[in-house]
Amino acid sequence: MRSYLKVFLIIFIPIAILIGAGYKIANKAAIDNATKELAQEMRTKAELLKGYKLSTEFDPDIHAIISGISQNTNLRITIIRKDGQVIDDSYYSYEKIQTMENHAKRPEVINALNSDEGSSVRRSTTAEESMNYYAVRYSDDIVLRIAYPMSYIDALQANMLQQNVTLYVSLLIIVAFIALYLARRLSSPIQKLSEVADKIEAGESKIYFPSFSDKTMTKLVSVIYRIYNSMNQKTKQLEQEKQKLNHIFSILDEGIILLDSKNNVMHYNSKASHYLGIKINLGENILRQTNNMEAISFLTEVVGAEESKKLQKNLKGKIFEVFVRIFENEKLIAFFDITERAEYEQFKTELVGNITHELKTPLAMIMGYSETIMNDPDMDRKFHDKFINIIYNSSNRLNLLINDILKLHKLEMLREEITVEEPTNIEDLFDEIKNFYKDCPMTVNTDYTSDDVHILREHLVSLITNLTDNAVKYSKGKNIYIKMYSDPASGRVVLAVEDEGPAIPEDEQQRIFERFYTMDKSKNQNATGTGLGLSIVKHIVSLYNGEVSVKSNERGGNTFSVILEEKEKIEH
């Protein structure tokens, strides 16, 4: 019904306006025409009156003639002298004429004296009504003026208005019927198309497109259908691209946040929410989505950037590299956790310092004692052999240190890229361990299962020997206990190495796995090692997603425990 009414009004109102405008134009033209005819009639009357002999004094006979004309035609005839004095007026008696004011300043009179004729429409101060004046110069001393009351023209307009209104109303009624007919013909297909448009706007997937007998409407429906299909395809493509973009964002290690000009979130990925430790909501100001002062401080400096820049910021104990890119009405923020990289740089600096320190000691001893021997060829044999032994031991320590550094570097480069093609037999492994420590001053006791495990043999050997050597160097007891067993159900292997003390203080139990960390020499009976053995153990354990720990045992010593996850079996 609304559509029907709209179509009716769309058709009817413009036509009604056009008819009204036509009426107004026609009415104005008729009035103008009537005014022109009236002016022409006044000119004609003036020419006729010129046939009478007019004088500069009042003439009763002339007064009678012009008064008769006024009674029959409603014309007002006035005879005016050059000086403005009124000689005669067809509307008034002689007595009234004598009291009339001077007409020298009347515009039509001035124009008639200057250019033979003049006209004006104004209110008469004498007759006290609007008049249409026409004046003509009768002679050098006399101006003849003819006037029609405007009431005559108003009456003419009223008469014409009455006739035209009747015609106008009749035309409007006819147009209304025609508009109703056309509205009925047009509104039905428009209503159907409107329903189709509403369904498209609502996002419905199944839409019925109507058919029409009219070729134009059929063509229109066809165009809408093609546009609808094209929109659907574009929407699907955009959705696919959005899913791809979201997928790419979701797998990025960088946190991504896209803001508009008011810092409202337009897009973000899960990493950004994880790094910031807040739940991010789309369409809301990023600075108002958390009460955490550390996160607010982090975001305030980043969001407040007015130009593209690169920052390094700390947040929640981590170091982030932040990139800010400014667009016209958007701001892209990408931040990446570089804590490991920063720690690696620090570690590398410390490692170089530690290696330099560890290498300098044996090298200094080798160079010092070598120089002493070279400078004293007649040195006592006892001191000579002693110095040679020190040089050998220092060389051996230097060799062990370099080998451990290379082994540690190799383990760090492996990361998680190791594969185990052949399982390691634990029984064979421990036969080798027993043979290796048969000449050890301490008794090495072993307890193990005979299962095969999917862990590289060299890694197991390194784990056991490093832990055992550590016990030999630092323990004052007489026994070392090595236990190893596997749990096929969980795919884990457990290794434990125990000594009889002294126990490692609790404040040093975590530090002993650091590179180059060794306990004070006064606390152990033997020379210190390279300080890399337990670091090697820790790295091997990390390759197998395991754990390593140390704690005091009931014997007054230390128990080193290692848990490893076996690698997957490779099917050939």
Protein backbone atom coordinates (compact mmCIF):
# COMPACT_ATOMS: atom_id res chain seq x y z
CA MET A 1 0.00 0.00 0.00
CA ARG A 2 2.83 2.38 0.78
CA SER A 3 4.46 1.64 -2.52
CA TYR A 4 1.13 2.21 -4.28
CA LEU A 5 0.70 5.59 -2.56
CA LYS A 6 4.29 6.59 -3.37
CA VAL A 7 3.85 5.81 -7.06
CA PHE A 8 0.54 7.72 -7.09
CA LEU A 9 2.12 10.78 -5.48
CA ILE A 10 5.17 10.57 -7.76
CA ILE A 11 2.88 10.72 -10.79
CA PHE A 12 0.19 13.06 -9.47
CA ILE A 13 2.23 15.76 -7.69
CA PRO A 14 4.49 16.78 -10.63
CA ILE A 15 1.51 16.90 -13.01
CA ALA A 16 -0.52 18.90 -10.49
CA ILE A 17 2.38 21.31 -10.09
CA LEU A 18 2.72 21.65 -13.85
CA ILE A 19 -1.01 22.32 -14.23
CA GLY A 20 -0.86 24.88 -11.41
CA ALA A 21 2.12 26.56 -13.00
CA GLY A 22 0.33 26.55 -16.36
CA TYR A 23 -2.74 28.03 -14.72
CA LYS A 24 -0.67 30.76 -13.09
CA ILE A 25 1.11 31.57 -16.34
CA ALA A 26 -2.16 31.60 -18.30
CA ASN A 27 -3.86 33.75 -15.66
CA LYS A 28 -0.96 36.23 -15.67
CA ALA A 29 -0.99 36.32 -19.45
CA ALA A 30 -4.73 37.01 -19.43
CA ILE A 31 -4.32 39.80 -16.85
CA ASP A 32 -1.46 41.28 -18.82
CA ASN A 33 -3.52 41.08 -21.96
CA ALA A 34 -6.49 42.70 -20.24
CA THR A 35 -4.22 45.43 -18.89
CA LYS A 36 -2.84 46.04 -22.37
CA GLU A 37 -6.36 46.15 -23.79
CA LEU A 38 -7.34 48.61 -21.06
CA ALA A 39 -4.33 50.80 -21.83
CA GLN A 40 -5.21 50.69 -25.52
CA GLU A 41 -8.79 51.57 -24.73
CA MET A 42 -7.59 54.57 -22.68
CA ARG A 43 -5.46 55.69 -25.61
CA THR A 44 -8.47 55.35 -27.91
CA LYS A 45 -10.68 57.34 -25.54
CA ALA A 46 -7.96 59.99 -25.29
CA GLU A 47 -7.83 60.29 -29.09
CA LEU A 48 -11.61 60.63 -29.24
CA LEU A 49 -11.62 63.31 -26.55
CA LYS A 50 -9.01 65.24 -28.51
CA GLY A 51 -11.81 65.91 -31.01
CA TYR A 52 -13.51 68.16 -28.43
CA LYS A 53 -12.46 71.74 -28.07
CA LEU A 54 -10.86 71.99 -24.65
CA SER A 55 -9.84 75.27 -23.04
CA THR A 56 -7.81 76.33 -20.03
CA GLU A 57 -11.00 77.35 -18.15
CA PHE A 58 -13.88 75.24 -16.83
CA ASP A 59 -16.50 74.60 -19.57
CA PRO A 60 -19.91 73.33 -18.33
CA ASP A 61 -20.68 71.73 -21.70
CA ILE A 62 -17.44 69.77 -21.76
CA HIS A 63 -18.04 68.80 -18.10
CA ALA A 64 -21.44 67.39 -19.01
CA ILE A 65 -19.94 65.33 -21.85
CA ILE A 66 -17.11 63.79 -19.84
CA SER A 67 -19.38 63.15 -16.85
CA GLY A 68 -21.72 61.19 -19.13
CA ILE A 69 -18.80 59.11 -20.42
CA SER A 70 -17.76 58.28 -16.81
CA GLN A 71 -21.27 57.15 -15.92
CA ASN A 72 -21.36 54.78 -18.88
CA THR A 73 -17.77 53.44 -18.85
CA ASN A 74 -16.49 54.06 -15.26
CA LEU A 75 -13.66 56.04 -16.82
CA ARG A 76 -12.33 59.04 -14.95
CA ILE A 77 -11.41 61.96 -17.24
CA THR A 78 -9.37 64.85 -15.92
CA ILE A 79 -8.30 68.06 -17.74
CA ILE A 80 -5.17 69.63 -16.23
CA ARG A 81 -3.46 72.90 -17.04
CA LYS A 82 0.27 73.05 -17.65
CA ASP A 83 0.84 74.58 -14.22
CA GLY A 84 -0.91 71.57 -12.59
CA GLN A 85 -4.22 73.29 -11.90
CA VAL A 86 -7.21 70.90 -12.46
CA ILE A 87 -9.62 72.47 -14.99
CA ASP A 88 -12.21 69.66 -15.03
CA ASP A 89 -12.78 66.14 -13.61
CA SER A 90 -15.57 63.83 -14.69
CA TYR A 91 -15.94 62.32 -11.18
CA TYR A 92 -16.57 65.59 -9.33
CA SER A 93 -18.65 68.82 -9.42
CA TYR A 94 -17.30 72.25 -10.18
CA GLU A 95 -17.13 73.14 -6.48
CA LYS A 96 -15.08 70.04 -5.69
CA ILE A 97 -12.83 70.69 -8.67
CA GLN A 98 -12.02 74.12 -7.33
CA THR A 99 -10.68 72.60 -4.09
CA MET A 100 -8.55 69.84 -5.69
CA GLU A 101 -4.80 70.00 -5.08
CA ASN A 102 -2.27 70.84 -7.78
CA HIS A 103 -1.41 67.88 -10.08
CA ALA A 104 1.89 69.23 -11.40
CA LYS A 105 3.85 66.56 -9.50
CA ARG A 106 1.79 63.61 -10.66
CA PRO A 107 4.19 61.24 -12.53
CA GLU A 108 1.90 60.69 -15.49
CA VAL A 109 1.39 64.46 -15.90
CA ILE A 110 5.15 65.13 -15.76
CA ASN A 111 5.79 62.45 -18.39
CA ALA A 112 3.00 63.77 -20.63
CA LEU A 113 4.43 67.30 -20.55
CA ASN A 114 7.96 66.01 -21.21
CA SER A 115 7.29 63.25 -23.76
CA ASP A 116 3.69 63.75 -24.94
CA GLU A 117 2.29 60.81 -22.87
CA GLY A 118 2.74 59.04 -19.54
CA SER A 119 1.17 56.33 -17.38
CA SER A 120 1.28 55.03 -13.81
CA VAL A 121 -0.59 52.85 -11.36
CA ARG A 122 -0.97 54.39 -7.92
CA ARG A 123 -3.44 55.31 -5.22
CA SER A 124 -5.38 58.46 -5.89
CA THR A 125 -5.34 60.89 -2.94
CA THR A 126 -8.50 62.50 -4.33
CA ALA A 127 -10.59 59.37 -5.04
CA GLU A 128 -8.84 57.38 -2.28
CA GLU A 129 -8.52 54.23 -4.40
CA SER A 130 -5.93 52.67 -6.70
CA MET A 131 -6.16 53.91 -10.29
CA ASN A 132 -4.51 53.11 -13.59
CA TYR A 133 -3.61 56.48 -15.16
CA TYR A 134 -2.87 57.45 -18.75
CA ALA A 135 -2.05 61.10 -19.63
CA VAL A 136 -1.52 62.71 -23.02
CA ARG A 137 -0.58 66.28 -23.95
CA TYR A 138 -3.59 67.87 -25.59
CA SER A 139 -1.82 71.15 -26.33
CA ASP A 140 1.06 73.16 -24.98
CA ASP A 141 -1.11 74.33 -22.08
CA ILE A 142 -3.39 71.35 -21.45
CA VAL A 143 -2.88 67.68 -20.39
CA LEU A 144 -5.75 65.23 -20.86
CA ARG A 145 -5.71 62.34 -18.31
CA ILE A 146 -7.82 59.20 -18.37
CA ALA A 147 -7.94 56.70 -15.46
CA TYR A 148 -9.55 53.35 -14.74
CA PRO A 149 -10.14 52.26 -11.14
CA MET A 150 -8.07 49.16 -10.23
CA SER A 151 -11.24 47.68 -8.83
CA TYR A 152 -12.23 47.09 -12.41
CA ILE A 153 -9.06 45.05 -13.04
CA ASP A 154 -9.54 43.21 -9.72
CA ALA A 155 -13.07 42.29 -10.75
CA LEU A 156 -11.71 41.07 -14.07
CA GLN A 157 -9.12 38.95 -12.24
CA ALA A 158 -11.75 37.53 -9.89
CA ASN A 159 -13.92 36.53 -12.82
CA MET A 160 -11.03 34.88 -14.61
CA LEU A 161 -9.94 33.13 -11.37
CA GLN A 162 -13.38 31.65 -10.91
CA GLN A 163 -13.36 30.28 -14.44
CA ASN A 164 -9.79 28.95 -14.26
CA VAL A 165 -10.24 27.31 -10.82
CA THR A 166 -13.13 25.29 -12.16
CA LEU A 167 -11.00 24.20 -15.09
CA TYR A 168 -7.99 23.52 -12.80
CA VAL A 169 -10.01 21.34 -10.39
CA SER A 170 -11.49 19.40 -13.29
CA LEU A 171 -8.03 18.74 -14.71
CA LEU A 172 -6.75 17.64 -11.31
CA ILE A 173 -9.57 15.14 -10.95
CA ILE A 174 -8.81 13.72 -14.39
CA VAL A 175 -5.09 13.55 -13.60
CA ALA A 176 -5.82 11.84 -10.26
CA PHE A 177 -7.74 9.07 -11.99
CA ILE A 178 -4.97 8.62 -14.53
CA ALA A 179 -2.34 8.57 -11.75
CA LEU A 180 -4.33 5.99 -9.80
CA TYR A 181 -4.48 3.77 -12.85
CA LEU A 182 -0.77 4.10 -13.58
CA ALA A 183 0.12 3.63 -9.90
CA ARG A 184 -1.80 0.40 -9.85
CA ARG A 185 0.04 -0.80 -12.96
CA LEU A 186 3.47 0.22 -11.66
CA SER A 187 3.26 -0.39 -7.91
CA SER A 188 2.78 -4.14 -8.13
CA PRO A 189 6.15 -4.89 -9.82
CA ILE A 190 7.85 -2.21 -7.73
CA GLN A 191 6.48 -3.82 -4.57
CA LYS A 192 7.82 -7.19 -5.67
CA LEU A 193 11.21 -5.69 -6.50
CA SER A 194 11.20 -3.92 -3.11
CA GLU A 195 10.65 -7.26 -1.37
CA VAL A 196 13.56 -8.72 -3.36
CA ALA A 197 15.75 -5.76 -2.33
CA ASP A 198 14.78 -6.21 1.34
CA LYS A 199 15.76 -9.88 1.20
CA ILE A 200 19.07 -9.02 -0.45
CA GLU A 201 19.74 -6.40 2.23
CA ALA A 202 18.85 -8.92 4.95
CA GLY A 203 21.47 -11.28 3.50
CA GLU A 204 19.10 -14.13 2.63
CA SER A 205 20.73 -16.77 0.44
CA LYS A 206 17.64 -18.10 -1.35
CA ILE A 207 15.73 -15.34 -3.16
CA TYR A 208 12.96 -15.76 -5.74
CA PHE A 209 13.13 -13.26 -8.58
CA PRO A 210 9.66 -12.59 -10.11
CA SER A 211 8.94 -12.54 -13.85
CA PHE A 212 6.92 -9.82 -15.63
CA SER A 213 5.17 -9.56 -18.96
CA ASP A 214 6.57 -6.08 -19.47
CA LYS A 215 9.91 -6.24 -21.32
CA THR A 216 11.37 -3.27 -19.46
CA MET A 217 10.59 -4.77 -16.05
CA THR A 218 11.92 -8.16 -17.21
CA LYS A 219 15.16 -6.49 -18.28
CA LEU A 220 15.36 -4.65 -14.95
CA VAL A 221 14.89 -7.88 -12.98
CA SER A 222 17.56 -9.52 -15.10
CA VAL A 223 20.00 -6.70 -14.33
CA ILE A 224 19.24 -6.92 -10.60
CA TYR A 225 19.72 -10.69 -10.71
CA ARG A 226 23.12 -10.34 -12.40
CA ILE A 227 24.17 -7.67 -9.90
CA TYR A 228 23.01 -9.90 -7.03
CA ASN A 229 25.00 -12.88 -8.33
CA SER A 230 28.06 -10.68 -8.84
CA MET A 231 27.72 -9.31 -5.30
CA ASN A 232 27.45 -12.86 -3.93
CA GLN A 233 30.61 -13.90 -5.74
CA LYS A 234 32.47 -10.79 -4.57
CA THR A 235 31.24 -11.37 -1.02
CA LYS A 236 32.46 -14.96 -1.10
CA GLN A 237 35.82 -13.85 -2.49
CA LEU A 238 36.13 -11.18 0.20
CA GLU A 239 35.19 -13.70 2.87
CA GLN A 240 37.79 -16.14 1.55
CA GLU A 241 40.42 -13.39 1.46
CA LYS A 242 39.44 -12.37 4.98
CA GLN A 243 39.79 -15.98 6.17
CA LYS A 244 43.19 -16.22 4.49
CA LEU A 245 44.27 -12.95 6.09
CA ASN A 246 43.00 -14.10 9.50
CA HIS A 247 44.80 -17.42 9.05
CA ILE A 248 48.04 -15.64 8.12
CA PHE A 249 47.68 -13.31 11.09
CA SER A 250 46.92 -16.23 13.41
CA ILE A 251 50.14 -18.10 12.54
CA LEU A 252 52.38 -15.05 12.74
CA ASP A 253 54.70 -14.78 15.71
CA GLU A 254 54.14 -11.03 15.66
CA GLY A 255 51.26 -9.44 17.51
CA ILE A 256 49.19 -7.40 15.01
CA ILE A 257 46.75 -4.58 15.88
CA LEU A 258 45.10 -2.28 13.34
CA LEU A 259 43.58 0.94 14.75
CA ASP A 260 41.48 3.70 13.21
CA SER A 261 42.05 7.44 13.69
CA LYS A 262 40.33 7.28 17.12
CA ASN A 263 42.42 4.29 18.30
CA ASN A 264 39.47 1.91 17.96
CA VAL A 265 40.48 -1.67 17.14
CA MET A 266 39.71 -2.62 13.54
CA HIS A 267 41.62 -5.91 13.49
CA TYR A 268 43.95 -7.93 15.71
CA ASN A 269 45.37 -11.44 16.03
CA SER A 270 45.55 -13.84 18.97
CA LYS A 271 49.26 -13.19 19.49
CA ALA A 272 48.56 -9.51 20.24
CA SER A 273 45.99 -10.48 22.87
CA HIS A 274 48.39 -13.07 24.33
CA TYR A 275 51.37 -10.72 24.49
CA LEU A 276 49.35 -7.90 26.07
CA GLY A 277 47.51 -10.27 28.42
CA ILE A 278 44.14 -8.66 27.69
CA LYS A 279 40.95 -9.58 25.87
CA ILE A 280 40.74 -7.29 22.84
CA ASN A 281 37.31 -6.21 21.55
CA LEU A 282 36.75 -4.95 18.02
CA GLY A 283 35.42 -1.42 17.63
CA GLU A 284 36.57 -0.27 21.09
CA ASN A 285 39.42 2.06 22.06
CA ILE A 286 42.49 -0.09 22.76
CA LEU A 287 43.52 2.10 25.72
CA ARG A 288 40.21 1.49 27.50
CA GLN A 289 40.31 -2.30 27.33
CA THR A 290 42.58 -2.94 30.31
CA ASN A 291 43.28 -1.67 33.81
CA ASN A 292 46.80 -3.09 33.89
CA MET A 293 49.12 -0.09 34.28
CA GLU A 294 52.07 -1.85 32.62
CA ALA A 295 50.00 -2.69 29.53
CA ILE A 296 48.49 0.83 29.48
CA SER A 297 51.98 2.39 29.69
CA PHE A 298 53.18 0.12 26.87
CA LEU A 299 50.20 0.93 24.62
CA THR A 300 50.15 4.66 25.39
CA GLU A 301 53.65 5.25 24.02
CA VAL A 302 53.08 2.99 21.01
CA VAL A 303 49.61 4.35 20.12
CA GLY A 304 50.76 7.93 20.70
CA ALA A 305 53.33 7.71 17.89
CA GLU A 306 52.58 10.34 15.23
CA GLU A 307 54.89 8.92 12.60
CA SER A 308 56.10 5.50 11.50
CA LYS A 309 58.83 4.27 13.82
CA LYS A 310 60.55 1.27 15.42
CA LEU A 311 60.63 0.87 19.20
CA GLN A 312 61.99 -1.60 21.75
CA LYS A 313 59.78 -1.96 24.83
CA ASN A 314 59.65 -4.17 27.91
CA LEU A 315 56.38 -5.78 28.97
CA LYS A 316 55.75 -8.41 31.64
CA GLY A 317 59.42 -9.38 31.85
CA LYS A 318 59.77 -9.75 28.09
CA ILE A 319 61.44 -7.58 25.47
CA PHE A 320 59.42 -6.60 22.39
CA GLU A 321 60.45 -5.01 19.11
CA VAL A 322 57.58 -2.76 18.08
CA PHE A 323 56.92 -1.42 14.58
CA VAL A 324 54.39 1.40 14.11
CA ARG A 325 53.18 2.23 10.59
CA ILE A 326 51.00 5.31 10.09
CA PHE A 327 48.50 5.43 7.21
CA GLU A 328 46.03 8.18 6.29
CA ASN A 329 43.27 7.15 8.74
CA GLU A 330 44.73 3.96 10.20
CA LYS A 331 47.62 2.86 12.38
CA LEU A 332 49.23 -0.59 12.14
CA ILE A 333 51.11 -1.89 15.18
CA ALA A 334 53.24 -5.03 14.99
CA PHE A 335 55.27 -6.24 17.97
CA PHE A 336 57.53 -9.27 18.21
CA ASP A 337 58.94 -11.05 21.25
CA ILE A 338 62.74 -10.73 20.97
CA THR A 339 63.45 -11.83 24.53
CA GLU A 340 65.34 -14.94 23.38
CA ARG A 341 67.31 -12.96 20.84
CA ALA A 342 68.22 -10.30 23.40
CA GLU A 343 69.13 -12.96 25.93
CA TYR A 344 71.17 -14.75 23.27
CA GLU A 345 73.08 -11.56 22.52
CA GLN A 346 73.75 -11.17 26.23
CA PHE A 347 74.70 -14.83 26.49
CA LYS A 348 77.02 -14.53 23.51
CA THR A 349 78.77 -11.60 25.16
CA GLU A 350 79.09 -13.51 28.40
CA LEU A 351 80.18 -16.68 26.54
CA VAL A 352 82.98 -14.87 24.73
CA GLY A 353 84.12 -13.42 28.04
CA ASN A 354 83.94 -16.80 29.80
CA ILE A 355 85.71 -18.66 26.98
CA THR A 356 88.40 -16.01 26.89
CA HIS A 357 88.85 -16.31 30.64
CA GLU A 358 88.88 -20.13 30.62
CA LEU A 359 91.32 -20.32 27.72
CA LYS A 360 93.69 -17.71 29.07
CA THR A 361 94.50 -19.69 32.24
CA PRO A 362 95.84 -22.91 30.61
CA LEU A 363 97.41 -20.94 27.77
CA ALA A 364 99.17 -18.66 30.24
CA MET A 365 100.51 -21.67 32.12
CA ILE A 366 101.66 -23.40 28.93
CA MET A 367 103.39 -20.26 27.66
CA GLY A 368 104.88 -19.39 31.06
CA TYR A 369 106.39 -22.78 31.83
CA SER A 370 107.49 -23.30 28.21
CA GLU A 371 109.31 -19.98 28.30
CA THR A 372 110.95 -20.94 31.63
CA ILE A 373 112.23 -24.22 30.20
CA MET A 374 113.50 -22.50 27.03
CA ASN A 375 115.35 -19.84 29.00
CA ASP A 376 117.01 -22.38 31.36
CA PRO A 377 118.37 -25.33 29.35
CA ASP A 378 120.39 -26.54 32.35
CA MET A 379 117.35 -26.68 34.61
CA ASP A 380 117.31 -29.36 37.30
CA ARG A 381 115.68 -32.54 36.00
CA LYS A 382 113.22 -32.59 38.85
CA PHE A 383 111.86 -29.12 38.03
CA HIS A 384 112.05 -29.80 34.30
CA ASP A 385 109.80 -32.89 34.60
CA LYS A 386 107.45 -31.00 36.90
CA PHE A 387 107.07 -28.13 34.43
CA ILE A 388 106.59 -30.55 31.53
CA ASN A 389 103.82 -32.27 33.49
CA ILE A 390 102.12 -28.91 34.18
CA ILE A 391 102.33 -28.02 30.48
CA TYR A 392 100.82 -31.39 29.57
CA ASN A 393 97.99 -31.07 32.07
CA SER A 394 97.25 -27.51 30.91
CA SER A 395 97.26 -28.69 27.29
CA ASN A 396 94.95 -31.54 28.18
CA ARG A 397 92.61 -29.15 30.04
CA LEU A 398 92.66 -26.82 27.05
CA ASN A 399 91.83 -29.73 24.75
CA LEU A 400 88.96 -30.87 26.99
CA LEU A 401 87.64 -27.32 27.14
CA ILE A 402 87.69 -26.92 23.35
CA ASN A 403 86.05 -30.34 22.86
CA ASP A 404 83.29 -29.46 25.36
CA ILE A 405 82.71 -26.10 23.67
CA LEU A 406 82.43 -27.80 20.25
CA LYS A 407 80.13 -30.47 21.69
CA LEU A 408 77.93 -27.82 23.30
CA HIS A 409 77.81 -25.81 20.08
CA LYS A 410 76.85 -28.95 18.13
CA LEU A 411 74.03 -29.68 20.57
CA GLU A 412 72.73 -26.10 20.33
CA MET A 413 72.68 -26.33 16.53
CA LEU A 414 70.72 -29.61 16.60
CA ARG A 415 67.71 -28.18 18.44
CA GLU A 416 64.84 -30.61 17.72
CA GLU A 417 65.96 -31.86 14.33
CA ILE A 418 67.36 -35.18 15.56
CA THR A 419 66.05 -38.57 14.47
CA VAL A 420 66.74 -42.00 15.95
CA GLU A 421 66.96 -44.66 13.26
CA GLU A 422 68.21 -47.49 15.49
CA PRO A 423 67.27 -47.99 19.17
CA THR A 424 69.97 -48.14 21.83
CA ASN A 425 70.36 -51.34 23.83
CA ILE A 426 70.73 -50.38 27.47
CA GLU A 427 72.52 -53.60 28.47
CA ASP A 428 75.27 -53.08 25.87
CA LEU A 429 75.47 -49.44 26.85
CA PHE A 430 76.13 -50.24 30.51
CA ASP A 431 78.71 -52.87 29.65
CA GLU A 432 80.59 -50.07 27.94
CA ILE A 433 80.08 -47.75 30.96
CA LYS A 434 81.39 -50.38 33.39
CA ASN A 435 84.46 -50.99 31.26
CA PHE A 436 85.09 -47.21 31.04
CA TYR A 437 85.06 -46.78 34.84
CA LYS A 438 86.79 -50.03 35.82
CA ASP A 439 89.90 -48.13 36.92
CA CYS A 440 87.92 -45.37 38.71
CA PRO A 441 89.07 -44.82 42.35
CA MET A 442 85.39 -45.05 43.36
CA THR A 443 83.05 -47.99 42.99
CA VAL A 444 80.51 -47.39 40.21
CA ASN A 445 77.31 -49.34 40.92
CA THR A 446 74.72 -49.79 38.13
CA ASP A 447 71.09 -50.78 38.05
CA TYR A 448 69.18 -50.82 34.73
CA THR A 449 66.56 -52.56 32.64
CA SER A 450 67.40 -54.46 29.50
CA ASP A 451 64.90 -52.66 27.23
CA ASP A 452 65.88 -50.85 24.04
CA VAL A 453 65.21 -47.12 23.97
CA HIS A 454 64.82 -44.70 21.02
CA ILE A 455 67.50 -42.26 22.14
CA LEU A 456 70.82 -41.73 20.39
CA ARG A 457 73.54 -43.85 21.99
CA GLU A 458 76.09 -41.01 21.95
CA HIS A 459 73.64 -38.79 23.87
CA LEU A 460 73.08 -41.42 26.54
CA VAL A 461 76.82 -41.97 26.86
CA SER A 462 77.38 -38.21 27.18
CA LEU A 463 74.68 -37.89 29.83
CA ILE A 464 75.98 -40.77 31.96
CA THR A 465 79.68 -39.89 31.67
CA ASN A 466 79.20 -36.19 32.37
CA LEU A 467 77.07 -36.87 35.45
CA THR A 468 79.40 -39.63 36.64
CA ASP A 469 82.55 -37.54 36.02
CA ASN A 470 80.91 -34.73 37.94
CA ALA A 471 80.34 -37.12 40.88
CA VAL A 472 83.94 -38.39 40.68
CA LYS A 473 85.34 -34.83 40.74
CA TYR A 474 83.22 -33.46 43.57
CA SER A 475 82.25 -36.43 45.76
CA LYS A 476 84.30 -37.50 48.81
CA GLY A 477 82.45 -40.80 49.10
CA LYS A 478 83.53 -44.22 47.90
CA ASN A 479 80.49 -45.16 45.81
CA ILE A 480 78.60 -43.80 42.82
CA TYR A 481 75.20 -45.23 41.89
CA ILE A 482 73.85 -45.17 38.31
CA LYS A 483 70.22 -46.21 37.75
CA MET A 484 68.34 -46.28 34.46
CA TYR A 485 65.03 -47.71 33.41
CA SER A 486 62.38 -47.07 30.73
CA ASP A 487 58.59 -46.88 30.81
CA PRO A 488 57.25 -48.11 27.43
CA ALA A 489 53.71 -46.98 28.29
CA SER A 490 54.67 -43.33 28.61
CA GLY A 491 57.66 -43.46 26.24
CA ARG A 492 59.95 -41.98 28.92
CA VAL A 493 63.42 -42.96 30.08
CA VAL A 494 64.62 -42.14 33.62
CA LEU A 495 68.31 -41.82 34.56
CA ALA A 496 69.62 -41.13 38.09
CA VAL A 497 73.23 -40.67 39.25
CA GLU A 498 73.85 -40.58 43.03
CA ASP A 499 76.98 -39.80 45.05
CA GLU A 500 77.79 -39.76 48.76
CA GLY A 501 78.46 -36.06 49.17
CA PRO A 502 79.13 -33.46 50.11
CA ALA A 503 75.66 -32.12 49.22
CA ILE A 504 75.41 -29.12 46.91
CA PRO A 505 73.98 -26.08 48.75
CA GLU A 506 70.43 -25.21 47.68
CA ASP A 507 71.46 -21.76 46.45
CA GLU A 508 73.86 -23.39 43.95
CA GLN A 509 71.65 -26.29 42.80
CA GLN A 510 70.17 -24.25 39.91
CA ARG A 511 73.35 -22.41 38.96
CA ILE A 512 75.44 -25.54 38.42
CA PHE A 513 73.75 -26.04 35.01
CA GLU A 514 75.05 -22.67 33.78
CA ARG A 515 77.98 -22.59 31.36
CA PHE A 516 81.44 -22.38 32.97
CA TYR A 517 79.98 -22.42 36.48
CA THR A 518 82.11 -24.49 38.87
CA MET A 519 81.96 -24.81 42.62
CA ASP A 520 84.76 -23.37 44.72
CA LYS A 521 87.89 -25.54 44.66
CA SER A 522 87.96 -25.59 48.43
CA LYS A 523 84.71 -27.58 48.39
CA ASN A 524 86.01 -30.45 46.25
CA GLN A 525 88.94 -32.74 46.46
CA ASN A 526 89.90 -32.68 42.81
CA ALA A 527 90.72 -29.99 40.26
CA THR A 528 87.71 -28.25 38.81
CA GLY A 529 86.43 -29.24 35.39
CA THR A 530 85.61 -27.08 32.38
CA GLY A 531 82.27 -26.03 33.81
CA LEU A 532 80.46 -27.21 30.64
CA GLY A 533 79.58 -30.80 31.56
CA LEU A 534 76.24 -30.06 33.22
CA SER A 535 75.40 -27.50 30.49
CA ILE A 536 75.88 -30.31 27.96
CA VAL A 537 73.56 -32.50 30.04
CA LYS A 538 70.94 -29.75 30.12
CA HIS A 539 71.06 -29.28 26.33
CA ILE A 540 70.77 -33.01 25.61
CA VAL A 541 67.77 -33.19 27.93
CA SER A 542 66.10 -30.27 26.08
CA LEU A 543 66.47 -32.16 22.77
CA TYR A 544 64.24 -34.89 24.20
CA ASN A 545 61.69 -32.55 25.83
CA GLY A 546 62.91 -33.78 29.19
CA GLU A 547 63.80 -32.49 32.64
CA VAL A 548 66.96 -32.47 34.72
CA SER A 549 67.18 -31.72 38.44
CA VAL A 550 69.38 -32.20 41.47
CA LYS A 551 68.52 -32.72 45.13
CA SER A 552 70.17 -34.01 48.29
CA ASN A 553 69.80 -37.73 49.04
CA GLU A 554 69.71 -39.86 52.20
CA ARG A 555 73.41 -40.71 51.83
CA GLY A 556 74.33 -37.08 52.41
CA GLY A 557 75.18 -36.61 48.77
CA ASN A 558 73.44 -35.50 45.55
CA THR A 559 71.06 -37.23 43.20
CA PHE A 560 70.96 -35.98 39.61
CA SER A 561 67.69 -37.04 37.93
CA VAL A 562 67.09 -36.97 34.19
CA ILE A 563 63.77 -37.70 32.41
CA LEU A 564 63.78 -38.08 28.62
CA GLU A 565 61.03 -38.62 26.03
CA GLU A 566 61.86 -41.25 23.43
CA LYS A 567 61.80 -40.20 19.79
CA GLU A 568 59.21 -41.72 17.45
CA LYS A 569 60.12 -45.00 15.81
CA ILE A 570 60.99 -44.73 12.11
CA GLU A 571 59.28 -47.38 10.01
CA HIS A 572 61.44 -48.72 7.17
